[in-house]
PDB file of N, CA and C in Angstrom:
ATOM      1  N   UNK A   1     -94.315-134.875 115.390  1.00  0.00           N
ATOM      2  CA  UNK A   1     -93.873-133.680 116.063  1.00  0.00           C
ATOM      3  C   UNK A   1     -93.000-134.076 117.252  1.00  0.00           C
ATOM      4  N   UNK A   2     -91.908-133.354 117.456  1.00  0.00           N
ATOM      5  CA  UNK A   2     -91.003-133.681 118.553  1.00  0.00           C
ATOM      6  C   UNK A   2     -91.562-133.173 119.882  1.00  0.00           C
ATOM      7  N   UNK A   3     -91.115-133.768 120.954  1.00  0.00           N
ATOM      8  CA  UNK A   3     -91.565-133.438 122.314  1.00  0.00           C
ATOM      9  C   UNK A   3     -90.569-132.479 122.954  1.00  0.00           C
ATOM     10  N   UNK A   4     -91.066-131.418 123.590  1.00  0.00           N
ATOM     11  CA  UNK A   4     -90.228-130.492 124.336  1.00  0.00           C
ATOM     12  C   UNK A   4     -89.934-131.121 125.690  1.00  0.00           C
ATOM     13  N   UNK A   5     -88.705-131.504 125.932  1.00  0.00           N
ATOM     14  CA  UNK A   5     -88.322-132.185 127.168  1.00  0.00           C
ATOM     15  C   UNK A   5     -88.212-131.250 128.366  1.00  0.00           C
ATOM     16  N   UNK A   6     -88.429-129.948 128.171  1.00  0.00           N
ATOM     17  CA  UNK A   6     -88.330-128.989 129.262  1.00  0.00           C
ATOM     18  C   UNK A   6     -89.695-128.628 129.848  1.00  0.00           C
ATOM     19  N   UNK A   7     -90.727-129.407 129.517  1.00  0.00           N
ATOM     20  CA  UNK A   7     -92.061-129.124 130.041  1.00  0.00           C
ATOM     21  C   UNK A   7     -92.780-130.418 130.399  1.00  0.00           C
ATOM     22  N   UNK A   8     -93.652-130.315 131.380  1.00  0.00           N
ATOM     23  CA  UNK A   8     -94.511-131.440 131.765  1.00  0.00           C
ATOM     24  C   UNK A   8     -95.901-131.288 131.150  1.00  0.00           C
ATOM     25  N   UNK A   9     -96.157-130.168 130.503  1.00  0.00           N
ATOM     26  CA  UNK A   9     -97.496-129.838 129.998  1.00  0.00           C
ATOM     27  C   UNK A   9     -97.900-130.677 128.784  1.00  0.00           C
ATOM     28  N   UNK A  10     -99.200-130.654 128.504  1.00  0.00           N
ATOM     29  CA  UNK A  10     -99.711-131.327 127.310  1.00  0.00           C
ATOM     30  C   UNK A  10     -99.978-130.299 126.203  1.00  0.00           C
ATOM     31  N   UNK A  11     -98.956-129.497 125.920  1.00  0.00           N
ATOM     32  CA  UNK A  11     -99.066-128.418 124.935  1.00  0.00           C
ATOM     33  C   UNK A  11     -99.404-128.910 123.525  1.00  0.00           C
ATOM     34  N   UNK A  12     -99.190-130.178 123.240  1.00  0.00           N
ATOM     35  CA  UNK A  12     -99.576-130.706 121.927  1.00  0.00           C
ATOM     36  C   UNK A  12    -101.091-130.877 121.817  1.00  0.00           C
ATOM     37  N   UNK A  13    -101.773-130.908 122.950  1.00  0.00           N
ATOM     38  CA  UNK A  13    -103.225-131.107 122.949  1.00  0.00           C
ATOM     39  C   UNK A  13    -104.016-129.812 123.097  1.00  0.00           C
ATOM     40  N   UNK A  14    -103.461-128.829 123.826  1.00  0.00           N
ATOM     41  CA  UNK A  14    -104.167-127.559 124.024  1.00  0.00           C
ATOM     42  C   UNK A  14    -103.211-126.391 123.814  1.00  0.00           C
ATOM     43  N   UNK A  15    -103.779-125.290 123.329  1.00  0.00           N
ATOM     44  CA  UNK A  15    -102.989-124.078 123.078  1.00  0.00           C
ATOM     45  C   UNK A  15    -103.599-122.935 123.875  1.00  0.00           C
ATOM     46  N   UNK A  16    -102.758-122.197 124.562  1.00  0.00           N
ATOM     47  CA  UNK A  16    -103.211-121.029 125.313  1.00  0.00           C
ATOM     48  C   UNK A  16    -103.334-119.855 124.350  1.00  0.00           C
ATOM     49  N   UNK A  17    -104.540-119.281 124.230  1.00  0.00           N
ATOM     50  CA  UNK A  17    -104.742-118.159 123.317  1.00  0.00           C
ATOM     51  C   UNK A  17    -104.843-116.828 124.044  1.00  0.00           C
ATOM     52  N   UNK A  18    -105.066-116.871 125.374  1.00  0.00           N
ATOM     53  CA  UNK A  18    -105.154-115.631 126.145  1.00  0.00           C
ATOM     54  C   UNK A  18    -104.951-115.943 127.627  1.00  0.00           C
ATOM     55  N   UNK A  19    -104.311-115.029 128.329  1.00  0.00           N
ATOM     56  CA  UNK A  19    -104.128-115.156 129.775  1.00  0.00           C
ATOM     57  C   UNK A  19    -104.543-113.853 130.441  1.00  0.00           C
ATOM     58  N   UNK A  20    -105.411-113.949 131.456  1.00  0.00           N
ATOM     59  CA  UNK A  20    -105.816-112.786 132.248  1.00  0.00           C
ATOM     60  C   UNK A  20    -105.387-113.041 133.685  1.00  0.00           C
ATOM     61  N   UNK A  21    -104.673-112.078 134.264  1.00  0.00           N
ATOM     62  CA  UNK A  21    -104.181-112.217 135.626  1.00  0.00           C
ATOM     63  C   UNK A  21    -104.873-111.223 136.550  1.00  0.00           C
ATOM     64  N   UNK A  22    -105.234-111.693 137.744  1.00  0.00           N
ATOM     65  CA  UNK A  22    -105.719-110.818 138.814  1.00  0.00           C
ATOM     66  C   UNK A  22    -104.850-111.106 140.015  1.00  0.00           C
ATOM     67  N   UNK A  23    -104.020-110.138 140.387  1.00  0.00           N
ATOM     68  CA  UNK A  23    -103.039-110.354 141.432  1.00  0.00           C
ATOM     69  C   UNK A  23    -103.154-109.312 142.538  1.00  0.00           C
ATOM     70  N   UNK A  24    -102.854-109.754 143.728  1.00  0.00           N
ATOM     71  CA  UNK A  24    -102.565-108.875 144.850  1.00  0.00           C
ATOM     72  C   UNK A  24    -101.107-109.145 145.193  1.00  0.00           C
ATOM     73  N   UNK A  25    -100.308-108.087 145.189  1.00  0.00           N
ATOM     74  CA  UNK A  25     -98.881-108.243 145.455  1.00  0.00           C
ATOM     75  C   UNK A  25     -98.588-107.735 146.857  1.00  0.00           C
ATOM     76  N   UNK A  26     -98.032-108.609 147.670  1.00  0.00           N
ATOM     77  CA  UNK A  26     -97.622-108.257 149.023  1.00  0.00           C
ATOM     78  C   UNK A  26     -96.112-108.058 148.992  1.00  0.00           C
ATOM     79  N   UNK A  27     -95.692-106.793 148.838  1.00  0.00           N
ATOM     80  CA  UNK A  27     -94.269-106.492 148.695  1.00  0.00           C
ATOM     81  C   UNK A  27     -93.487-106.849 149.953  1.00  0.00           C
ATOM     82  N   UNK A  28     -94.089-106.601 151.107  1.00  0.00           N
ATOM     83  CA  UNK A  28     -93.405-106.885 152.366  1.00  0.00           C
ATOM     84  C   UNK A  28     -93.160-108.387 152.537  1.00  0.00           C
ATOM     85  N   UNK A  29     -94.193-109.194 152.315  1.00  0.00           N
ATOM     86  CA  UNK A  29     -94.064-110.653 152.463  1.00  0.00           C
ATOM     87  C   UNK A  29     -93.436-111.294 151.225  1.00  0.00           C
ATOM     88  N   UNK A  30     -93.314-110.533 150.140  1.00  0.00           N
ATOM     89  CA  UNK A  30     -92.774-111.019 148.869  1.00  0.00           C
ATOM     90  C   UNK A  30     -93.579-112.211 148.340  1.00  0.00           C
ATOM     91  N   UNK A  31     -94.904-112.006 148.265  1.00  0.00           N
ATOM     92  CA  UNK A  31     -95.820-113.028 147.751  1.00  0.00           C
ATOM     93  C   UNK A  31     -96.811-112.394 146.792  1.00  0.00           C
ATOM     94  N   UNK A  32     -97.262-113.191 145.848  1.00  0.00           N
ATOM     95  CA  UNK A  32     -98.312-112.791 144.922  1.00  0.00           C
ATOM     96  C   UNK A  32     -99.453-113.780 145.086  1.00  0.00           C
ATOM     97  N   UNK A  33    -100.677-113.268 145.236  1.00  0.00           N
ATOM     98  CA  UNK A  33    -101.856-114.129 145.337  1.00  0.00           C
ATOM     99  C   UNK A  33    -102.899-113.630 144.357  1.00  0.00           C
ATOM    100  N   UNK A  34    -103.692-114.551 143.842  1.00  0.00           N
ATOM    101  CA  UNK A  34    -104.739-114.155 142.909  1.00  0.00           C
ATOM    102  C   UNK A  34    -105.127-115.298 142.009  1.00  0.00           C
ATOM    103  N   UNK A  35    -105.382-114.948 140.747  1.00  0.00           N
ATOM    104  CA  UNK A  35    -105.813-115.983 139.810  1.00  0.00           C
ATOM    105  C   UNK A  35    -105.256-115.717 138.422  1.00  0.00           C
ATOM    106  N   UNK A  36    -105.165-116.792 137.679  1.00  0.00           N
ATOM    107  CA  UNK A  36    -104.824-116.738 136.259  1.00  0.00           C
ATOM    108  C   UNK A  36    -105.966-117.422 135.523  1.00  0.00           C
ATOM    109  N   UNK A  37    -106.542-116.740 134.547  1.00  0.00           N
ATOM    110  CA  UNK A  37    -107.584-117.344 133.721  1.00  0.00           C
ATOM    111  C   UNK A  37    -107.007-117.542 132.329  1.00  0.00           C
ATOM    112  N   UNK A  38    -106.919-118.804 131.929  1.00  0.00           N
ATOM    113  CA  UNK A  38    -106.354-119.170 130.629  1.00  0.00           C
ATOM    114  C   UNK A  38    -107.483-119.505 129.667  1.00  0.00           C
ATOM    115  N   UNK A  39    -107.445-118.943 128.486  1.00  0.00           N
ATOM    116  CA  UNK A  39    -108.354-119.351 127.424  1.00  0.00           C
ATOM    117  C   UNK A  39    -107.589-120.371 126.595  1.00  0.00           C
ATOM    118  N   UNK A  40    -108.130-121.586 126.533  1.00  0.00           N
ATOM    119  CA  UNK A  40    -107.433-122.694 125.886  1.00  0.00           C
ATOM    120  C   UNK A  40    -108.235-123.222 124.709  1.00  0.00           C
ATOM    121  N   UNK A  41    -107.515-123.640 123.691  1.00  0.00           N
ATOM    122  CA  UNK A  41    -108.132-124.180 122.483  1.00  0.00           C
ATOM    123  C   UNK A  41    -107.532-125.551 122.188  1.00  0.00           C
ATOM    124  N   UNK A  42    -108.381-126.577 122.041  1.00  0.00           N
ATOM    125  CA  UNK A  42    -107.852-127.903 121.700  1.00  0.00           C
ATOM    126  C   UNK A  42    -107.097-127.870 120.375  1.00  0.00           C
ATOM    127  N   UNK A  43    -106.017-128.635 120.312  1.00  0.00           N
ATOM    128  CA  UNK A  43    -105.170-128.688 119.134  1.00  0.00           C
ATOM    129  C   UNK A  43    -105.204-130.059 118.461  1.00  0.00           C
ATOM    130  N   UNK A  44    -106.125-130.907 118.880  1.00  0.00           N
ATOM    131  CA  UNK A  44    -106.198-132.266 118.351  1.00  0.00           C
ATOM    132  C   UNK A  44    -107.546-132.516 117.710  1.00  0.00           C
ATOM    133  N   UNK A  45    -107.635-133.596 116.968  1.00  0.00           N
ATOM    134  CA  UNK A  45    -108.905-133.975 116.348  1.00  0.00           C
ATOM    135  C   UNK A  45    -109.761-134.804 117.293  1.00  0.00           C
ATOM    136  N   UNK A  46    -109.174-135.249 118.387  1.00  0.00           N
ATOM    137  CA  UNK A  46    -109.936-135.979 119.407  1.00  0.00           C
ATOM    138  C   UNK A  46    -110.156-135.052 120.603  1.00  0.00           C
ATOM    139  N   UNK A  47    -111.231-135.271 121.310  1.00  0.00           N
ATOM    140  CA  UNK A  47    -111.602-134.400 122.414  1.00  0.00           C
ATOM    141  C   UNK A  47    -110.548-134.430 123.523  1.00  0.00           C
ATOM    142  N   UNK A  48    -110.312-133.287 124.109  1.00  0.00           N
ATOM    143  CA  UNK A  48    -109.371-133.132 125.212  1.00  0.00           C
ATOM    144  C   UNK A  48    -110.127-133.370 126.518  1.00  0.00           C
ATOM    145  N   UNK A  49    -109.548-134.155 127.437  1.00  0.00           N
ATOM    146  CA  UNK A  49    -110.236-134.402 128.710  1.00  0.00           C
ATOM    147  C   UNK A  49    -109.455-133.891 129.917  1.00  0.00           C
ATOM    148  N   UNK A  50    -108.248-133.378 129.683  1.00  0.00           N
ATOM    149  CA  UNK A  50    -107.472-132.807 130.780  1.00  0.00           C
ATOM    150  C   UNK A  50    -106.486-131.782 130.246  1.00  0.00           C
ATOM    151  N   UNK A  51    -106.047-130.927 131.153  1.00  0.00           N
ATOM    152  CA  UNK A  51    -105.011-129.946 130.856  1.00  0.00           C
ATOM    153  C   UNK A  51    -103.894-130.185 131.859  1.00  0.00           C
ATOM    154  N   UNK A  52    -102.667-130.210 131.378  1.00  0.00           N
ATOM    155  CA  UNK A  52    -101.508-130.359 132.254  1.00  0.00           C
ATOM    156  C   UNK A  52    -100.642-129.114 132.085  1.00  0.00           C
ATOM    157  N   UNK A  53    -100.378-128.445 133.215  1.00  0.00           N
ATOM    158  CA  UNK A  53     -99.591-127.213 133.207  1.00  0.00           C
ATOM    159  C   UNK A  53     -98.347-127.370 134.075  1.00  0.00           C
ATOM    160  N   UNK A  54     -97.325-126.614 133.758  1.00  0.00           N
ATOM    161  CA  UNK A  54     -96.114-126.586 134.574  1.00  0.00           C
ATOM    162  C   UNK A  54     -96.325-125.636 135.746  1.00  0.00           C
ATOM    163  N   UNK A  55     -95.929-126.058 136.940  1.00  0.00           N
ATOM    164  CA  UNK A  55     -95.903-125.174 138.103  1.00  0.00           C
ATOM    165  C   UNK A  55     -94.591-125.412 138.836  1.00  0.00           C
ATOM    166  N   UNK A  56     -94.256-124.443 139.686  1.00  0.00           N
ATOM    167  CA  UNK A  56     -93.057-124.613 140.497  1.00  0.00           C
ATOM    168  C   UNK A  56     -93.258-123.882 141.820  1.00  0.00           C
ATOM    169  N   UNK A  57     -93.478-124.637 142.856  1.00  0.00           N
ATOM    170  CA  UNK A  57     -93.661-124.101 144.204  1.00  0.00           C
ATOM    171  C   UNK A  57     -94.819-123.105 144.288  1.00  0.00           C
ATOM    172  N   UNK A  58     -95.931-123.403 143.630  1.00  0.00           N
ATOM    173  CA  UNK A  58     -97.150-122.604 143.767  1.00  0.00           C
ATOM    174  C   UNK A  58     -98.085-123.280 144.747  1.00  0.00           C
ATOM    175  N   UNK A  59     -98.853-122.483 145.472  1.00  0.00           N
ATOM    176  CA  UNK A  59     -99.889-123.005 146.360  1.00  0.00           C
ATOM    177  C   UNK A  59    -101.227-122.817 145.639  1.00  0.00           C
ATOM    178  N   UNK A  60    -101.727-123.866 145.005  1.00  0.00           N
ATOM    179  CA  UNK A  60    -102.986-123.809 144.266  1.00  0.00           C
ATOM    180  C   UNK A  60    -104.120-124.106 145.244  1.00  0.00           C
ATOM    181  N   UNK A  61    -105.177-123.273 145.203  1.00  0.00           N
ATOM    182  CA  UNK A  61    -106.291-123.455 146.127  1.00  0.00           C
ATOM    183  C   UNK A  61    -107.590-123.862 145.443  1.00  0.00           C
ATOM    184  N   UNK A  62    -107.754-123.530 144.170  1.00  0.00           N
ATOM    185  CA  UNK A  62    -108.996-123.881 143.466  1.00  0.00           C
ATOM    186  C   UNK A  62    -108.779-123.789 141.962  1.00  0.00           C
ATOM    187  N   UNK A  63    -109.535-124.604 141.226  1.00  0.00           N
ATOM    188  CA  UNK A  63    -109.498-124.571 139.765  1.00  0.00           C
ATOM    189  C   UNK A  63    -110.925-124.687 139.249  1.00  0.00           C
ATOM    190  N   UNK A  64    -111.253-123.831 138.288  1.00  0.00           N
ATOM    191  CA  UNK A  64    -112.567-123.881 137.636  1.00  0.00           C
ATOM    192  C   UNK A  64    -112.366-123.970 136.132  1.00  0.00           C
ATOM    193  N   UNK A  65    -113.263-124.694 135.481  1.00  0.00           N
ATOM    194  CA  UNK A  65    -113.300-124.743 134.023  1.00  0.00           C
ATOM    195  C   UNK A  65    -114.654-124.189 133.612  1.00  0.00           C
ATOM    196  N   UNK A  66    -114.629-123.119 132.836  1.00  0.00           N
ATOM    197  CA  UNK A  66    -115.844-122.420 132.426  1.00  0.00           C
ATOM    198  C   UNK A  66    -116.773-122.170 133.614  1.00  0.00           C
ATOM    199  N   UNK A  67    -116.175-121.745 134.735  1.00  0.00           N
ATOM    200  CA  UNK A  67    -116.939-121.371 135.922  1.00  0.00           C
ATOM    201  C   UNK A  67    -117.356-122.507 136.834  1.00  0.00           C
ATOM    202  N   UNK A  68    -116.996-123.743 136.499  1.00  0.00           N
ATOM    203  CA  UNK A  68    -117.382-124.916 137.287  1.00  0.00           C
ATOM    204  C   UNK A  68    -116.157-125.472 138.018  1.00  0.00           C
ATOM    205  N   UNK A  69    -116.279-125.685 139.343  1.00  0.00           N
ATOM    206  CA  UNK A  69    -115.187-126.310 140.099  1.00  0.00           C
ATOM    207  C   UNK A  69    -114.885-127.685 139.526  1.00  0.00           C
ATOM    208  N   UNK A  70    -113.598-127.987 139.375  1.00  0.00           N
ATOM    209  CA  UNK A  70    -113.189-129.278 138.816  1.00  0.00           C
ATOM    210  C   UNK A  70    -112.126-129.914 139.705  1.00  0.00           C
ATOM    211  N   UNK A  71    -111.916-131.211 139.487  1.00  0.00           N
ATOM    212  CA  UNK A  71    -110.854-131.927 140.193  1.00  0.00           C
ATOM    213  C   UNK A  71    -109.518-131.593 139.550  1.00  0.00           C
ATOM    214  N   UNK A  72    -108.505-131.507 140.401  1.00  0.00           N
ATOM    215  CA  UNK A  72    -107.151-131.212 139.940  1.00  0.00           C
ATOM    216  C   UNK A  72    -106.179-131.814 140.937  1.00  0.00           C
ATOM    217  N   UNK A  73    -104.944-131.983 140.478  1.00  0.00           N
ATOM    218  CA  UNK A  73    -103.907-132.464 141.381  1.00  0.00           C
ATOM    219  C   UNK A  73    -102.544-131.998 140.903  1.00  0.00           C
ATOM    220  N   UNK A  74    -101.650-131.819 141.877  1.00  0.00           N
ATOM    221  CA  UNK A  74    -100.258-131.512 141.560  1.00  0.00           C
ATOM    222  C   UNK A  74     -99.452-132.772 141.793  1.00  0.00           C
ATOM    223  N   UNK A  75     -98.635-133.100 140.829  1.00  0.00           N
ATOM    224  CA  UNK A  75     -97.785-134.297 140.924  1.00  0.00           C
ATOM    225  C   UNK A  75     -96.594-134.018 141.830  1.00  0.00           C
ATOM    226  N   UNK A  76     -95.902-135.076 142.184  1.00  0.00           N
ATOM    227  CA  UNK A  76     -94.659-134.943 142.940  1.00  0.00           C
ATOM    228  C   UNK A  76     -93.682-134.094 142.131  1.00  0.00           C
ATOM    229  N   UNK A  77     -92.892-133.324 142.830  1.00  0.00           N
ATOM    230  CA  UNK A  77     -91.911-132.452 142.180  1.00  0.00           C
ATOM    231  C   UNK A  77     -90.823-133.272 141.498  1.00  0.00           C
ATOM    232  N   UNK A  78     -90.514-132.857 140.281  1.00  0.00           N
ATOM    233  CA  UNK A  78     -89.376-133.402 139.543  1.00  0.00           C
ATOM    234  C   UNK A  78     -88.333-132.295 139.532  1.00  0.00           C
ATOM    235  N   UNK A  79     -87.189-132.552 140.143  1.00  0.00           N
ATOM    236  CA  UNK A  79     -86.155-131.529 140.268  1.00  0.00           C
ATOM    237  C   UNK A  79     -85.922-130.848 138.929  1.00  0.00           C
ATOM    238  N   UNK A  80     -85.847-129.546 138.916  1.00  0.00           N
ATOM    239  CA  UNK A  80     -85.613-128.697 137.743  1.00  0.00           C
ATOM    240  C   UNK A  80     -86.807-128.622 136.796  1.00  0.00           C
ATOM    241  N   UNK A  81     -87.785-129.500 136.945  1.00  0.00           N
ATOM    242  CA  UNK A  81     -88.974-129.472 136.084  1.00  0.00           C
ATOM    243  C   UNK A  81     -90.182-128.873 136.810  1.00  0.00           C
ATOM    244  N   UNK A  82     -90.227-129.003 138.117  1.00  0.00           N
ATOM    245  CA  UNK A  82     -91.360-128.503 138.874  1.00  0.00           C
ATOM    246  C   UNK A  82     -92.404-129.575 139.100  1.00  0.00           C
ATOM    247  N   UNK A  83     -93.648-129.117 139.321  1.00  0.00           N
ATOM    248  CA  UNK A  83     -94.759-130.037 139.559  1.00  0.00           C
ATOM    249  C   UNK A  83     -95.800-129.865 138.463  1.00  0.00           C
ATOM    250  N   UNK A  84     -96.234-130.961 137.878  1.00  0.00           N
ATOM    251  CA  UNK A  84     -97.294-130.907 136.866  1.00  0.00           C
ATOM    252  C   UNK A  84     -98.621-130.695 137.572  1.00  0.00           C
ATOM    253  N   UNK A  85     -99.388-129.703 137.117  1.00  0.00           N
ATOM    254  CA  UNK A  85    -100.747-129.469 137.594  1.00  0.00           C
ATOM    255  C   UNK A  85    -101.688-130.069 136.562  1.00  0.00           C
ATOM    256  N   UNK A  86    -102.375-131.152 136.947  1.00  0.00           N
ATOM    257  CA  UNK A  86    -103.304-131.822 136.036  1.00  0.00           C
ATOM    258  C   UNK A  86    -104.729-131.410 136.399  1.00  0.00           C
ATOM    259  N   UNK A  87    -105.437-130.877 135.413  1.00  0.00           N
ATOM    260  CA  UNK A  87    -106.800-130.379 135.593  1.00  0.00           C
ATOM    261  C   UNK A  87    -107.738-131.256 134.775  1.00  0.00           C
ATOM    262  N   UNK A  88    -108.699-131.876 135.453  1.00  0.00           N
ATOM    263  CA  UNK A  88    -109.677-132.717 134.776  1.00  0.00           C
ATOM    264  C   UNK A  88    -110.822-131.851 134.256  1.00  0.00           C
ATOM    265  N   UNK A  89    -111.114-131.947 132.979  1.00  0.00           N
ATOM    266  CA  UNK A  89    -112.225-131.191 132.408  1.00  0.00           C
ATOM    267  C   UNK A  89    -113.551-131.859 132.772  1.00  0.00           C
ATOM    268  N   UNK A  90    -114.631-131.082 132.918  1.00  0.00           N
ATOM    269  CA  UNK A  90    -115.921-131.669 133.278  1.00  0.00           C
ATOM    270  C   UNK A  90    -116.391-132.709 132.258  1.00  0.00           C
ATOM    271  N   UNK A  91    -116.047-132.468 130.998  1.00  0.00           N
ATOM    272  CA  UNK A  91    -116.339-133.426 129.924  1.00  0.00           C
ATOM    273  C   UNK A  91    -115.358-133.197 128.789  1.00  0.00           C
ATOM    274  N   UNK A  92    -115.031-134.225 128.034  1.00  0.00           N
ATOM    275  CA  UNK A  92    -114.106-134.050 126.899  1.00  0.00           C
ATOM    276  C   UNK A  92    -114.649-132.995 125.933  1.00  0.00           C
ATOM    277  N   UNK A  93    -113.752-132.211 125.363  1.00  0.00           N
ATOM    278  CA  UNK A  93    -114.203-131.128 124.491  1.00  0.00           C
ATOM    279  C   UNK A  93    -113.278-130.919 123.300  1.00  0.00           C
ATOM    280  N   UNK A  94    -113.873-130.417 122.246  1.00  0.00           N
ATOM    281  CA  UNK A  94    -113.145-129.959 121.070  1.00  0.00           C
ATOM    282  C   UNK A  94    -113.275-128.442 120.926  1.00  0.00           C
ATOM    283  N   UNK A  95    -113.973-127.798 121.879  1.00  0.00           N
ATOM    284  CA  UNK A  95    -114.241-126.366 121.819  1.00  0.00           C
ATOM    285  C   UNK A  95    -113.326-125.603 122.776  1.00  0.00           C
ATOM    286  N   UNK A  96    -113.170-124.314 122.484  1.00  0.00           N
ATOM    287  CA  UNK A  96    -112.408-123.430 123.353  1.00  0.00           C
ATOM    288  C   UNK A  96    -113.038-123.400 124.748  1.00  0.00           C
ATOM    289  N   UNK A  97    -112.202-123.289 125.790  1.00  0.00           N
ATOM    290  CA  UNK A  97    -112.705-123.235 127.161  1.00  0.00           C
ATOM    291  C   UNK A  97    -111.761-122.388 128.007  1.00  0.00           C
ATOM    292  N   UNK A  98    -112.248-122.010 129.202  1.00  0.00           N
ATOM    293  CA  UNK A  98    -111.450-121.187 130.107  1.00  0.00           C
ATOM    294  C   UNK A  98    -111.174-121.945 131.392  1.00  0.00           C
ATOM    295  N   UNK A  99    -109.930-121.836 131.846  1.00  0.00           N
ATOM    296  CA  UNK A  99    -109.496-122.444 133.094  1.00  0.00           C
ATOM    297  C   UNK A  99    -109.059-121.305 134.014  1.00  0.00           C
ATOM    298  N   UNK A 100    -109.684-121.231 135.198  1.00  0.00           N
ATOM    299  CA  UNK A 100    -109.290-120.249 136.195  1.00  0.00           C
ATOM    300  C   UNK A 100    -108.592-120.974 137.340  1.00  0.00           C
ATOM    301  N   UNK A 101    -107.391-120.537 137.653  1.00  0.00           N
ATOM    302  CA  UNK A 101    -106.594-121.151 138.711  1.00  0.00           C
ATOM    303  C   UNK A 101    -106.361-120.102 139.790  1.00  0.00           C
ATOM    304  N   UNK A 102    -106.813-120.399 140.999  1.00  0.00           N
ATOM    305  CA  UNK A 102    -106.543-119.519 142.141  1.00  0.00           C
ATOM    306  C   UNK A 102    -105.301-120.062 142.847  1.00  0.00           C
ATOM    307  N   UNK A 103    -104.358-119.178 143.125  1.00  0.00           N
ATOM    308  CA  UNK A 103    -103.087-119.635 143.673  1.00  0.00           C
ATOM    309  C   UNK A 103    -102.366-118.499 144.376  1.00  0.00           C
ATOM    310  N   UNK A 104    -101.301-118.864 145.056  1.00  0.00           N
ATOM    311  CA  UNK A 104    -100.363-117.876 145.580  1.00  0.00           C
ATOM    312  C   UNK A 104     -98.957-118.430 145.388  1.00  0.00           C
ATOM    313  N   UNK A 105     -98.033-117.516 145.303  1.00  0.00           N
ATOM    314  CA  UNK A 105     -96.641-117.936 145.228  1.00  0.00           C
ATOM    315  C   UNK A 105     -96.193-118.355 146.629  1.00  0.00           C
ATOM    316  N   UNK A 106     -95.017-118.914 146.707  1.00  0.00           N
ATOM    317  CA  UNK A 106     -94.423-119.306 147.983  1.00  0.00           C
ATOM    318  C   UNK A 106     -93.000-118.760 148.026  1.00  0.00           C
ATOM    319  N   UNK A 107     -92.387-118.840 149.155  1.00  0.00           N
ATOM    320  CA  UNK A 107     -91.000-118.364 149.292  1.00  0.00           C
ATOM    321  C   UNK A 107     -90.038-119.142 148.396  1.00  0.00           C
ATOM    322  N   UNK A 108     -90.403-120.369 148.029  1.00  0.00           N
ATOM    323  CA  UNK A 108     -89.526-121.219 147.213  1.00  0.00           C
ATOM    324  C   UNK A 108     -89.702-121.032 145.708  1.00  0.00           C
ATOM    325  N   UNK A 109     -90.662-120.208 145.265  1.00  0.00           N
ATOM    326  CA  UNK A 109     -90.942-120.065 143.831  1.00  0.00           C
ATOM    327  C   UNK A 109     -89.669-119.812 143.031  1.00  0.00           C
ATOM    328  N   UNK A 110     -89.531-120.539 141.950  1.00  0.00           N
ATOM    329  CA  UNK A 110     -88.335-120.426 141.125  1.00  0.00           C
ATOM    330  C   UNK A 110     -88.503-119.446 139.969  1.00  0.00           C
ATOM    331  N   UNK A 111     -89.719-119.027 139.671  1.00  0.00           N
ATOM    332  CA  UNK A 111     -89.950-118.129 138.543  1.00  0.00           C
ATOM    333  C   UNK A 111     -90.116-116.684 138.996  1.00  0.00           C
ATOM    334  N   UNK A 112     -89.776-116.415 140.246  1.00  0.00           N
ATOM    335  CA  UNK A 112     -90.025-115.101 140.807  1.00  0.00           C
ATOM    336  C   UNK A 112     -88.823-114.688 141.643  1.00  0.00           C
ATOM    337  N   UNK A 113     -88.323-113.487 141.402  1.00  0.00           N
ATOM    338  CA  UNK A 113     -87.216-112.964 142.186  1.00  0.00           C
ATOM    339  C   UNK A 113     -87.561-111.587 142.715  1.00  0.00           C
ATOM    340  N   UNK A 114     -87.246-111.326 143.945  1.00  0.00           N
ATOM    341  CA  UNK A 114     -87.528-110.041 144.578  1.00  0.00           C
ATOM    342  C   UNK A 114     -86.204-109.326 144.821  1.00  0.00           C
ATOM    343  N   UNK A 115     -86.051-108.160 144.226  1.00  0.00           N
ATOM    344  CA  UNK A 115     -84.837-107.381 144.398  1.00  0.00           C
ATOM    345  C   UNK A 115     -85.058-106.339 145.485  1.00  0.00           C
ATOM    346  N   UNK A 116     -84.105-106.216 146.362  1.00  0.00           N
ATOM    347  CA  UNK A 116     -84.191-105.197 147.401  1.00  0.00           C
ATOM    348  C   UNK A 116     -83.677-103.873 146.857  1.00  0.00           C
ATOM    349  N   UNK A 117     -84.068-102.807 147.509  1.00  0.00           N
ATOM    350  CA  UNK A 117     -83.595-101.476 147.127  1.00  0.00           C
ATOM    351  C   UNK A 117     -82.064-101.436 147.203  1.00  0.00           C
ATOM    352  N   UNK A 118     -81.509-102.063 148.228  1.00  0.00           N
ATOM    353  CA  UNK A 118     -80.060-102.078 148.412  1.00  0.00           C
ATOM    354  C   UNK A 118     -79.360-102.808 147.258  1.00  0.00           C
ATOM    355  N   UNK A 119     -79.944-103.899 146.798  1.00  0.00           N
ATOM    356  CA  UNK A 119     -79.359-104.644 145.686  1.00  0.00           C
ATOM    357  C   UNK A 119     -79.372-103.793 144.419  1.00  0.00           C
ATOM    358  N   UNK A 120     -80.492-103.151 144.139  1.00  0.00           N
ATOM    359  CA  UNK A 120     -80.603-102.341 142.932  1.00  0.00           C
ATOM    360  C   UNK A 120     -79.612-101.179 142.984  1.00  0.00           C
ATOM    361  N   UNK A 121     -79.510-100.535 144.137  1.00  0.00           N
ATOM    362  CA  UNK A 121     -78.562 -99.416 144.271  1.00  0.00           C
ATOM    363  C   UNK A 121     -77.115 -99.896 144.080  1.00  0.00           C
ATOM    364  N   UNK A 122     -76.806-101.079 144.574  1.00  0.00           N
ATOM    365  CA  UNK A 122     -75.461-101.625 144.474  1.00  0.00           C
ATOM    366  C   UNK A 122     -75.089-101.962 143.025  1.00  0.00           C
ATOM    367  N   UNK A 123     -76.065-102.311 142.193  1.00  0.00           N
ATOM    368  CA  UNK A 123     -75.768-102.731 140.833  1.00  0.00           C
ATOM    369  C   UNK A 123     -75.801-101.588 139.815  1.00  0.00           C
ATOM    370  N   UNK A 124     -76.150-100.396 140.265  1.00  0.00           N
ATOM    371  CA  UNK A 124     -76.192 -99.263 139.330  1.00  0.00           C
ATOM    372  C   UNK A 124     -75.131 -98.256 139.609  1.00  0.00           C
TER     373      UNK A 124
END
């Protein structure tokens, strides 16, 4: 299988089957804070021991796997690729599991754009 060069994730090892978001949106500050809970399913015949996700200028504060706090780290930023978020699983698994990530966006986020009322009026 070929490798997608536009991602830092280990998508060949795990597949996201569901995403649940809980967000508080601060329109004035132009920030989103909350959590994303991913339901992940291993895609390999060998047990998965970590999940690697793509991030870009997110402030991650906590990560849980099936309700248990786990170790995680964000790698150094790779220009245009972002930062890999590596999540260590409590134990290697071949079963479906849930990862909850608590985070907030930052002013530098590249996947988020805030349009002003003036901009929208100008373009219509």
